[in-house]
Protein backbone atom coordinates (compact mmCIF):
# COMPACT_ATOMS: atom_id res chain seq x y z
CA UNK A 1 36.52 119.83 -121.34
CA UNK A 2 37.34 116.44 -119.80
CA UNK A 3 34.79 116.76 -116.99
CA UNK A 4 32.77 119.47 -115.26
CA UNK A 5 31.13 119.67 -111.82
CA UNK A 6 28.33 122.20 -111.33
CA UNK A 7 26.33 123.13 -108.22
CA UNK A 8 27.19 119.90 -106.41
CA UNK A 9 25.66 119.37 -102.96
CA UNK A 10 26.59 115.99 -101.45
CA UNK A 11 25.32 115.04 -98.01
CA UNK A 12 28.18 113.29 -96.17
CA UNK A 13 26.58 113.00 -92.75
CA UNK A 14 23.89 114.67 -90.72
CA UNK A 15 26.25 117.61 -90.12
CA UNK A 16 28.47 117.68 -93.20
CA UNK A 17 27.78 118.75 -96.77
CA UNK A 18 30.28 118.80 -99.66
CA UNK A 19 29.67 121.90 -101.78
CA UNK A 20 31.27 122.43 -105.21
CA UNK A 21 29.80 125.33 -107.21
CA UNK A 22 31.89 124.74 -110.32
CA UNK A 23 35.06 122.84 -111.16
CA UNK A 24 36.13 122.06 -114.73
CA UNK A 25 39.25 120.30 -116.01
CA UNK A 26 40.58 120.35 -119.58
CA UNK A 27 42.96 117.89 -121.21
CA UNK A 28 46.52 119.14 -120.66
CA UNK A 29 45.73 120.70 -117.27
CA UNK A 30 47.48 119.41 -114.16
CA UNK A 31 45.83 120.55 -110.94
CA UNK A 32 47.24 120.63 -107.44
CA UNK A 33 44.28 120.09 -105.08
CA UNK A 34 45.48 121.40 -101.73
CA UNK A 35 43.88 121.28 -98.29
CA UNK A 36 44.20 119.68 -94.85
CA UNK A 37 42.74 116.34 -93.72
CA UNK A 38 38.95 116.56 -93.80
CA UNK A 39 38.88 119.37 -96.38
CA UNK A 40 36.97 117.22 -98.90
CA UNK A 41 39.70 116.23 -101.38
CA UNK A 42 38.95 112.49 -101.26
CA UNK A 43 35.22 113.15 -101.45
CA UNK A 44 35.80 115.29 -104.54
CA UNK A 45 37.77 112.40 -106.03
CA UNK A 46 34.94 109.94 -105.28
CA UNK A 47 32.44 112.28 -106.94
CA UNK A 48 34.59 112.61 -110.08
CA UNK A 49 35.13 108.84 -110.26
CA UNK A 50 31.43 108.03 -110.07
CA UNK A 51 31.71 106.51 -106.60
CA UNK A 52 29.13 108.87 -105.11
CA UNK A 53 25.39 108.43 -105.76
CA UNK A 54 25.19 112.12 -106.71
CA UNK A 55 27.68 111.85 -109.59
CA UNK A 56 25.02 111.56 -112.27
CA UNK A 57 23.33 114.74 -111.06
CA UNK A 58 26.36 116.99 -110.89
CA UNK A 59 29.20 115.67 -113.08
CA UNK A 60 29.37 115.93 -116.89
CA UNK A 61 32.07 114.06 -118.83
CA UNK A 62 33.48 114.60 -122.31
CA UNK A 63 31.98 112.46 -125.07
CA UNK A 64 33.49 108.99 -124.96
CA UNK A 65 35.05 109.47 -121.52
CA UNK A 66 34.25 106.58 -119.15
CA UNK A 67 35.22 107.24 -115.52
CA UNK A 68 35.30 103.50 -114.78
CA UNK A 69 38.15 102.89 -117.22
CA UNK A 70 39.59 106.33 -118.05
CA UNK A 71 40.46 107.46 -114.51
CA UNK A 72 43.62 105.99 -112.99
CA UNK A 73 43.96 106.41 -109.22
CA UNK A 74 47.00 106.34 -106.91
CA UNK A 75 45.90 106.42 -103.27
CA UNK A 76 45.83 104.49 -100.02
CA UNK A 77 42.14 103.80 -100.58
CA UNK A 78 43.04 102.17 -103.91
CA UNK A 79 45.72 100.10 -102.17
CA UNK A 80 43.11 98.99 -99.64
CA UNK A 81 40.69 98.04 -102.40
CA UNK A 82 43.30 95.95 -104.25
CA UNK A 83 44.52 94.22 -101.08
CA UNK A 84 40.97 93.34 -100.03
CA UNK A 85 40.13 92.01 -103.48
CA UNK A 86 43.16 89.71 -103.54
CA UNK A 87 42.47 88.49 -100.01
CA UNK A 88 38.86 87.71 -100.97
CA UNK A 89 40.00 85.74 -104.01
CA UNK A 90 42.87 83.97 -102.23
CA UNK A 91 43.01 80.24 -103.14
CA UNK A 92 46.25 79.38 -101.33
CA UNK A 93 44.42 76.77 -99.25
CA UNK A 94 43.78 74.80 -102.44
CA UNK A 95 47.17 75.12 -104.15
CA UNK A 96 49.99 72.59 -103.91
CA UNK A 97 52.52 75.04 -102.46
CA UNK A 98 49.95 76.78 -100.21
CA UNK A 99 50.63 80.07 -101.98
CA UNK A 100 48.47 82.28 -104.13
CA UNK A 101 50.39 85.23 -105.55
CA UNK A 102 47.18 87.00 -106.50
CA UNK A 103 47.52 89.98 -108.84
CA UNK A 104 51.07 90.25 -110.17
CA UNK A 105 52.74 93.64 -110.47
CA UNK A 106 53.14 93.19 -114.24
CA UNK A 107 49.45 92.36 -114.65
CA UNK A 108 48.40 95.32 -112.51
CA UNK A 109 50.35 97.75 -114.70
CA UNK A 110 49.35 96.18 -118.04
CA UNK A 111 45.66 96.28 -117.08
CA UNK A 112 45.73 100.05 -117.57
CA UNK A 113 45.75 99.60 -121.37
CA UNK A 114 43.75 97.31 -123.66
CA UNK A 115 45.58 94.38 -125.30
CA UNK A 116 45.98 96.16 -128.66
CA UNK A 117 47.78 99.11 -127.03
CA UNK A 118 50.32 97.22 -124.90
CA UNK A 119 53.81 98.76 -125.06
CA UNK A 120 56.63 96.54 -123.80
CA UNK A 121 59.28 99.22 -124.24
CA UNK A 122 57.27 101.72 -122.18
CA UNK A 123 56.63 99.12 -119.48
CA UNK A 124 60.33 98.29 -119.28
CA UNK A 125 61.28 101.97 -119.06
CA UNK A 126 58.75 102.79 -116.34
CA UNK A 127 59.67 99.78 -114.24
CA UNK A 128 63.34 100.68 -114.50
CA UNK A 129 62.68 104.29 -113.48
CA UNK A 130 60.45 103.24 -110.57
CA UNK A 131 62.67 100.34 -109.41
CA UNK A 132 59.99 97.72 -110.10
CA UNK A 133 61.80 95.39 -112.53
CA UNK A 134 62.64 92.80 -109.87
CA UNK A 135 59.03 92.85 -108.60
CA UNK A 136 57.13 92.28 -111.86
CA UNK A 137 56.40 88.62 -111.11
CA UNK A 138 55.50 89.26 -107.47
CA UNK A 139 51.98 89.48 -106.07
CA UNK A 140 50.92 92.93 -104.89
CA UNK A 141 49.79 91.44 -101.56
CA UNK A 142 53.43 90.75 -100.74
CA UNK A 143 54.73 94.26 -101.42
CA UNK A 144 55.56 96.90 -98.85
CA UNK A 145 53.44 100.06 -98.78
CA UNK A 146 56.12 101.97 -100.68
CA UNK A 147 56.47 99.24 -103.32
CA UNK A 148 52.75 99.02 -104.08
CA UNK A 149 52.64 102.81 -104.21
CA UNK A 150 55.31 102.73 -106.95
CA UNK A 151 53.35 100.01 -108.79
CA UNK A 152 50.20 102.16 -108.78
CA UNK A 153 52.20 105.13 -110.08
CA UNK A 154 53.57 102.93 -112.88
CA UNK A 155 50.03 101.78 -113.73
CA UNK A 156 48.79 105.37 -113.95
CA UNK A 157 51.69 106.58 -116.10
CA UNK A 158 51.48 103.50 -118.35
CA UNK A 159 47.74 103.99 -118.86
CA UNK A 160 47.99 107.65 -119.83
CA UNK A 161 49.95 106.72 -122.99
CA UNK A 162 46.87 105.09 -124.54
CA UNK A 163 44.81 106.22 -127.49
CA UNK A 164 42.23 108.17 -125.46
CA UNK A 165 42.61 110.98 -122.95
CA UNK A 166 42.90 109.83 -119.36
CA UNK A 167 42.55 111.51 -115.99
CA UNK A 168 45.27 110.60 -113.47
CA UNK A 169 44.57 111.20 -109.78
CA UNK A 170 47.56 111.12 -107.43
CA UNK A 171 46.66 111.25 -103.74
CA UNK A 172 50.01 112.06 -102.06
CA UNK A 173 51.97 109.83 -104.49
CA UNK A 174 55.24 110.06 -102.57
CA UNK A 175 53.80 109.00 -99.20
CA UNK A 176 55.35 105.76 -97.81
CA UNK A 177 58.17 106.05 -100.38
CA UNK A 178 61.69 105.91 -98.96
CA UNK A 179 63.76 109.09 -98.99
CA UNK A 180 66.20 107.91 -101.67
CA UNK A 181 63.39 107.32 -104.17
CA UNK A 182 61.23 110.42 -103.68
CA UNK A 183 63.09 112.79 -106.03
CA UNK A 184 63.43 110.17 -108.79
CA UNK A 185 59.75 109.21 -108.63
CA UNK A 186 58.67 112.85 -108.67
CA UNK A 187 60.79 113.45 -111.76
CA UNK A 188 59.33 110.34 -113.44
CA UNK A 189 55.77 111.52 -112.85
CA UNK A 190 56.55 115.00 -114.18
CA UNK A 191 58.27 113.57 -117.28
CA UNK A 192 55.23 111.52 -118.31
CA UNK A 193 52.54 114.14 -117.81
CA UNK A 194 51.84 116.18 -120.91
CA UNK A 195 49.16 117.73 -123.11
CA UNK A 196 47.36 114.46 -123.89
CA UNK A 197 46.11 113.76 -120.36
CA UNK A 198 44.96 115.64 -117.28
CA UNK A 199 45.85 115.06 -113.64
CA UNK A 200 44.85 115.94 -110.10
CA UNK A 201 47.50 115.90 -107.37
CA UNK A 202 45.96 115.81 -103.89
CA UNK A 203 48.24 117.52 -101.41
CA UNK A 204 47.92 117.94 -97.63
CA UNK A 205 51.23 119.65 -96.89
CA UNK A 206 52.73 122.77 -98.45
CA UNK A 207 56.13 121.06 -98.72
CA UNK A 208 54.64 118.32 -100.94
CA UNK A 209 53.19 120.53 -103.67
CA UNK A 210 53.52 119.21 -107.23
CA UNK A 211 56.09 121.37 -109.07
CA UNK A 212 54.61 120.69 -112.53
CA UNK A 213 51.10 121.87 -111.63
CA UNK A 214 49.44 124.28 -114.07
CA UNK A 215 46.42 125.02 -111.84
CA UNK A 216 45.56 125.19 -108.15
CA UNK A 217 42.37 124.25 -106.28
CA UNK A 218 42.24 124.95 -102.53
CA UNK A 219 39.69 123.21 -100.29
CA UNK A 220 38.71 123.76 -96.67
CA UNK A 221 35.78 122.44 -94.63
CA UNK A 222 34.25 120.59 -97.63
CA UNK A 223 34.25 123.69 -99.86
CA UNK A 224 36.40 125.15 -102.62
CA UNK A 225 37.90 128.39 -101.31
CA UNK A 226 40.15 129.25 -104.29
CA UNK A 227 40.88 127.95 -107.80
CA UNK A 228 42.71 129.17 -110.88
CA UNK A 229 46.03 129.17 -112.67
CA UNK A 230 49.04 128.20 -110.58
CA UNK A 231 51.39 131.02 -109.59
CA UNK A 232 53.84 131.66 -106.79
CA UNK A 233 51.43 134.16 -105.26
CA UNK A 234 48.49 131.74 -105.37
CA UNK A 235 50.57 128.96 -103.79
CA UNK A 236 51.85 131.24 -101.02
CA UNK A 237 48.28 132.34 -100.20
CA UNK A 238 47.17 128.72 -100.02
CA UNK A 239 50.10 127.68 -97.82
CA UNK A 240 49.59 130.65 -95.50
CA UNK A 241 45.92 129.74 -94.99
CA UNK A 242 46.86 126.60 -93.00
CA UNK A 243 50.39 127.41 -91.83
CA UNK A 244 49.53 128.38 -88.26
CA UNK A 245 47.08 125.59 -87.39
CA UNK A 246 48.34 123.85 -84.25
CA UNK A 247 46.64 121.40 -81.92
CA UNK A 248 46.99 121.55 -78.14
CA UNK A 249 49.27 118.68 -77.12
CA UNK A 250 47.68 116.67 -74.27
CA UNK A 251 49.02 117.68 -70.85
CA UNK A 252 47.68 114.52 -69.21
CA UNK A 253 47.67 111.01 -70.68
CA UNK A 254 44.80 108.75 -69.49
CA UNK A 255 45.83 105.89 -67.21
CA UNK A 256 44.12 102.50 -67.30
CA UNK A 257 41.94 102.31 -64.15
CA UNK A 258 43.18 99.83 -61.56
CA UNK A 259 46.45 99.15 -63.41
CA UNK A 260 49.72 100.57 -62.05
CA UNK A 261 52.69 99.96 -64.33
CA UNK A 262 56.16 101.15 -63.53
CA UNK A 263 58.58 102.16 -66.26
CA UNK A 264 61.02 99.33 -67.06
CA UNK A 265 64.52 99.40 -65.63
CA UNK A 266 66.85 101.26 -68.02
CA UNK A 267 68.94 98.16 -68.81
CA UNK A 268 66.07 95.65 -68.84
CA UNK A 269 65.95 93.61 -72.07
CA UNK A 270 62.47 94.20 -73.50
CA UNK A 271 63.25 92.66 -76.90
CA UNK A 272 66.26 90.57 -77.85
CA UNK A 273 66.97 89.03 -81.28
CA UNK A 274 69.96 86.73 -81.81
CA UNK A 275 71.01 85.74 -85.34
CA UNK A 276 67.43 85.99 -86.61
CA UNK A 277 66.65 85.31 -90.28
CA UNK A 278 63.52 85.87 -92.34
CA UNK A 279 62.71 85.49 -96.02
CA UNK A 280 59.96 84.71 -98.50
CA UNK A 281 60.72 82.00 -101.03
CA UNK A 282 64.13 82.75 -102.54
CA UNK A 283 64.17 86.29 -101.16
CA UNK A 284 66.27 86.75 -98.02
CA UNK A 285 64.92 89.79 -96.16
CA UNK A 286 66.68 89.62 -92.79
CA UNK A 287 70.02 87.87 -92.27
CA UNK A 288 71.69 87.06 -88.91
CA UNK A 289 69.93 89.95 -87.21
CA UNK A 290 71.09 90.89 -83.69
CA UNK A 291 69.28 93.59 -81.73
CA UNK A 292 68.43 94.36 -78.13
CA UNK A 293 65.83 96.95 -77.09
CA UNK A 294 66.53 98.09 -73.54
CA UNK A 295 64.05 99.61 -71.11
CA UNK A 296 65.49 103.09 -71.65
CA UNK A 297 65.05 103.00 -75.43
CA UNK A 298 62.55 104.66 -77.73
CA UNK A 299 63.56 103.30 -81.12
CA UNK A 300 63.51 104.80 -84.63
CA UNK A 301 63.56 102.24 -87.49
CA UNK A 302 64.67 103.46 -90.93
CA UNK A 303 65.47 101.83 -94.26
CA UNK A 304 64.45 101.51 -97.93
CA UNK A 305 61.11 100.12 -99.08
CA UNK A 306 61.22 96.33 -98.89
CA UNK A 307 64.23 96.20 -96.57
CA UNK A 308 62.36 94.31 -93.85
CA UNK A 309 61.16 96.97 -91.42
CA UNK A 310 57.58 95.65 -91.29
CA UNK A 311 58.90 92.06 -91.29
CA UNK A 312 60.97 92.88 -88.21
CA UNK A 313 57.95 94.29 -86.41
CA UNK A 314 55.78 91.28 -87.29
CA UNK A 315 58.42 88.90 -85.90
CA UNK A 316 58.09 90.70 -82.59
CA UNK A 317 54.38 91.35 -82.10
CA UNK A 318 53.12 87.85 -82.92
CA UNK A 319 51.84 88.26 -86.49
CA UNK A 320 54.68 86.39 -88.27
CA UNK A 321 55.15 82.65 -87.64
CA UNK A 322 58.81 82.97 -88.71
CA UNK A 323 59.55 84.40 -85.27
CA UNK A 324 59.05 80.97 -83.73
CA UNK A 325 61.92 78.48 -83.63
CA UNK A 326 64.45 81.30 -83.57
CA UNK A 327 66.09 83.19 -80.74
CA UNK A 328 63.50 85.89 -80.29
CA UNK A 329 63.08 86.93 -76.65
CA UNK A 330 60.25 89.18 -75.47
CA UNK A 331 60.41 90.59 -71.95
CA UNK A 332 62.94 87.94 -70.93
CA UNK A 333 61.03 84.95 -72.34
CA UNK A 334 61.82 83.09 -75.53
CA UNK A 335 59.02 83.37 -78.07
CA UNK A 336 57.19 80.08 -78.49
CA UNK A 337 57.96 78.75 -75.02
CA UNK A 338 54.34 78.22 -73.97
CA UNK A 339 52.70 81.62 -74.32
CA UNK A 340 49.78 82.20 -76.68
CA UNK A 341 49.77 84.75 -79.48
CA UNK A 342 47.26 86.74 -77.40
CA UNK A 343 49.71 86.83 -74.47
CA UNK A 344 52.16 88.50 -76.86
CA UNK A 345 49.65 90.90 -78.39
CA UNK A 346 48.46 92.02 -74.97
CA UNK A 347 51.81 93.74 -74.37
CA UNK A 348 51.93 95.57 -77.70
CA UNK A 349 49.90 98.39 -79.22
CA UNK A 350 50.09 98.86 -82.99
CA UNK A 351 49.38 101.68 -85.45
CA UNK A 352 50.16 100.73 -89.06
CA UNK A 353 48.99 100.95 -92.65
CA UNK A 354 48.17 97.23 -92.56
CA UNK A 355 45.87 97.67 -89.56
CA UNK A 356 44.35 100.75 -91.20
CA UNK A 357 43.55 98.61 -94.26
CA UNK A 358 41.66 96.04 -92.18
CA UNK A 359 39.05 98.46 -90.86
CA UNK A 360 36.36 98.93 -93.47
CA UNK A 361 32.66 99.77 -93.20
CA UNK A 362 30.52 98.73 -90.26
CA UNK A 363 32.18 100.12 -87.13
CA UNK A 364 31.57 103.21 -85.03
CA UNK A 365 34.66 105.11 -83.88
CA UNK A 366 34.12 104.16 -80.23
CA UNK A 367 33.86 100.47 -81.19
CA UNK A 368 37.17 100.71 -83.06
CA UNK A 369 38.89 102.13 -79.97
CA UNK A 370 37.32 99.63 -77.54
CA UNK A 371 38.41 96.76 -79.81
CA UNK A 372 41.97 97.54 -78.70
CA UNK A 373 41.23 95.86 -75.37
CA UNK A 374 40.61 92.60 -77.26
CA UNK A 375 43.25 92.95 -80.02
CA UNK A 376 40.52 92.37 -82.59
CA UNK A 377 39.63 94.14 -85.82
CA UNK A 378 36.16 95.27 -84.88
CA UNK A 379 34.27 94.71 -81.64
CA UNK A 380 32.93 91.18 -81.14
CA UNK A 381 33.23 90.84 -77.34
CA UNK A 382 31.06 92.41 -74.70
CA UNK A 383 32.74 95.50 -73.31
CA UNK A 384 32.06 96.97 -69.90
CA UNK A 385 31.29 100.54 -68.93
CA UNK A 386 34.81 101.10 -67.57
CA UNK A 387 36.36 100.07 -70.89
CA UNK A 388 34.09 102.38 -72.87
CA UNK A 389 34.72 105.23 -70.42
CA UNK A 390 38.48 104.77 -70.79
CA UNK A 391 38.14 104.67 -74.58
CA UNK A 392 36.16 107.93 -74.44
CA UNK A 393 38.88 109.45 -72.27
CA UNK A 394 41.40 108.69 -75.01
CA UNK A 395 39.14 110.18 -77.68
CA UNK A 396 38.84 113.33 -75.55
CA UNK A 397 42.61 113.45 -75.12
CA UNK A 398 43.02 113.32 -78.91
CA UNK A 399 40.27 115.96 -79.44
CA UNK A 400 37.92 113.63 -81.36
CA UNK A 401 35.39 112.71 -78.64
CA UNK A 402 32.63 114.29 -80.73
CA UNK A 403 33.26 111.56 -83.33
CA UNK A 404 32.71 108.63 -80.95
CA UNK A 405 29.32 107.82 -82.52
CA UNK A 406 30.40 108.48 -86.12
CA UNK A 407 31.09 105.72 -88.61
CA UNK A 408 34.82 105.13 -88.80
CA UNK A 409 34.84 104.91 -92.62
CA UNK A 410 33.14 108.33 -92.90
CA UNK A 411 35.67 110.37 -90.89
CA UNK A 412 38.81 111.83 -92.45
CA UNK A 413 42.05 109.90 -92.86
CA UNK A 414 43.75 111.95 -90.15
CA UNK A 415 40.88 111.35 -87.73
CA UNK A 416 41.06 107.61 -88.48
CA UNK A 417 44.77 107.64 -87.63
CA UNK A 418 44.01 109.32 -84.28
CA UNK A 419 41.33 106.71 -83.56
CA UNK A 420 43.86 103.93 -84.22
CA UNK A 421 46.32 105.59 -81.82
CA UNK A 422 43.60 105.62 -79.16
CA UNK A 423 42.87 101.94 -79.95
CA UNK A 424 46.54 101.06 -79.47
CA UNK A 425 46.86 102.91 -76.15
CA UNK A 426 43.64 101.98 -74.31
CA UNK A 427 45.25 98.85 -72.82
CA UNK A 428 48.39 100.82 -71.84
CA UNK A 429 50.82 98.55 -73.71
CA UNK A 430 54.42 97.93 -72.72
CA UNK A 431 55.55 98.74 -76.27
CA UNK A 432 53.76 100.90 -78.85
CA UNK A 433 54.68 100.01 -82.45
CA UNK A 434 54.12 102.84 -84.92
CA UNK A 435 54.68 101.81 -88.53
CA UNK A 436 54.64 105.09 -90.47
CA UNK A 437 51.86 106.59 -88.33
CA UNK A 438 52.02 109.99 -90.06
CA UNK A 439 51.42 108.71 -93.59
CA UNK A 440 48.54 110.62 -95.21
CA UNK A 441 48.42 113.33 -92.54
CA UNK A 442 48.60 117.09 -92.91
CA UNK A 443 51.00 119.27 -90.89
CA UNK A 444 48.46 119.80 -88.11
CA UNK A 445 47.85 116.09 -87.50
CA UNK A 446 51.55 115.19 -87.85
CA UNK A 447 52.61 117.75 -85.27
CA UNK A 448 49.79 116.69 -82.97
CA UNK A 449 50.58 112.96 -83.18
CA UNK A 450 54.33 113.52 -82.67
CA UNK A 451 53.66 115.74 -79.66
CA UNK A 452 51.20 113.22 -78.23
CA UNK A 453 53.76 110.43 -78.61
CA UNK A 454 56.27 112.50 -76.63
CA UNK A 455 53.64 112.96 -73.92
CA UNK A 456 53.03 109.18 -73.87
CA UNK A 457 56.76 108.52 -73.57
CA UNK A 458 57.12 111.06 -70.77
CA UNK A 459 54.05 110.17 -68.70
CA UNK A 460 53.61 106.40 -69.06
CA UNK A 461 55.64 103.20 -68.92
CA UNK A 462 55.08 102.62 -72.65
CA UNK A 463 58.20 102.46 -74.85
CA UNK A 464 58.04 103.39 -78.56
CA UNK A 465 59.20 101.71 -81.77
CA UNK A 466 58.72 104.24 -84.58
CA UNK A 467 59.14 103.55 -88.33
CA UNK A 468 59.56 106.52 -90.67
CA UNK A 469 60.82 107.37 -94.16
CA UNK A 470 60.77 111.14 -93.66
CA UNK A 471 63.94 112.81 -92.30
CA UNK A 472 63.25 114.70 -89.10
CA UNK A 473 59.74 113.27 -88.72
CA UNK A 474 59.92 111.41 -85.42
CA UNK A 475 59.10 112.17 -81.78
CA UNK A 476 61.69 114.10 -79.80
CA UNK A 477 61.90 111.25 -77.27
CA UNK A 478 63.64 108.93 -79.78
CA UNK A 479 67.06 107.92 -78.43
CA UNK A 480 68.03 104.84 -80.46
CA UNK A 481 68.21 104.28 -84.23
CA UNK A 482 68.03 101.09 -86.32
CA UNK A 483 68.98 101.62 -89.96
CA UNK A 484 68.57 98.88 -92.57
CA UNK A 485 71.24 98.97 -95.31
CA UNK A 486 71.81 96.65 -98.26
CA UNK A 487 74.19 93.75 -97.62
CA UNK A 488 76.66 92.65 -100.33
CA UNK A 489 75.56 89.01 -100.04
CA UNK A 490 71.83 89.73 -100.27
CA UNK A 491 69.27 90.94 -97.76
CA UNK A 492 69.98 93.84 -95.42
CA UNK A 493 72.28 94.45 -92.50
CA UNK A 494 71.33 96.51 -89.47
CA UNK A 495 73.20 99.61 -88.34
CA UNK A 496 72.49 100.50 -84.71
CA UNK A 497 73.33 103.59 -82.70
CA UNK A 498 72.35 105.56 -79.62
CA UNK A 499 71.10 109.06 -80.37
């Protein structure tokens, strides 16, 4: 027995209670923990890791097992924790080159084993398999979501080769990973999991089940509804349980009171980039980039991890200073010609992993949505009744109005994503930027968000820019594609096409 949970009752909120009668994991077992957003998978993980106050009452560990050092986690919450820690410790203001790399990829991976157990050959092999060799000396703050996900996977697999038994927890390990890497990374994980460790693979979608799983645990509504040895029959029962869940797509999109915005002319130039370049240090990310987004376009952006998709978006929406001094035109005006950054932000709504990472404890769901009027992370300005009423209308449209008074950090990942969509749309932006908005979502929430985006495109003047790694996972309204591909002289070139 590596750990055991017995008769656990964890109060999550006034209405919600996590209930686990019994769950035990042995060394050599590899569990697929399957269930939709809000089922309780992440809460179960927190309980096992000792991050719940009830852990001491309900969880028993094997002799010598220390959850603080012997559990290795791959998740978006872990990415958030690492990013926040490096930002808190940032000393770039005091360094000669105004840069603080923070935690290096190599140091992150090596930290999984004590000094006496370091294995250079294993590190080299893992980094080669996970395409991390060129990133070892780079700070994790400067990685894309897919790159840091691969670094966390390498850390987990490196740590499980130590002298003691470890528990590896993978929360959707292939999320945010580009399509060309998914099969290779899945094979690498499977190749390193064996009888000397145990693992949990948290899964929200039937298509993402872990093929090497020996056992299956199914959760729904904060309870375990099935557990036992993995079999085709057990997996089919679990998949069928959630297969037909569908949300009603909104038939009416809320309009901002007192604001009438007409759809742009089909050939109007909303965004225009002419020979734009961007890089970090010696790394050239974008080279001589030309692109025009017309008023008729809803744009899909594709490309490998680290190719510059998020860099491109930040050049446009005001976050990246490298957009100034270059020929970047927004709505017919050259960027940096007298407008403020807030003038730019006012015309864009954003849903992204980076924004998701910024919202931590301390905000009610309604406050998060209302903050979209002010383009702030959190609500610091006085909001009027009309703004709060419009925010509530968006929460009702997305079927989460009952969560308006809940703490944002206590609702499920999928519900948080819906709240961020409401935040982006309350000001009725000219362009809605969606940087992998379906990451971490189950089938129900993905279908609902994609359908809602089509309703937004059809009923409002808002145009979409949508970033995705998953083939076929984009709104039906998409009619223009940008595809980043490697250039022979470094960086990436942009392939463009009407759809």
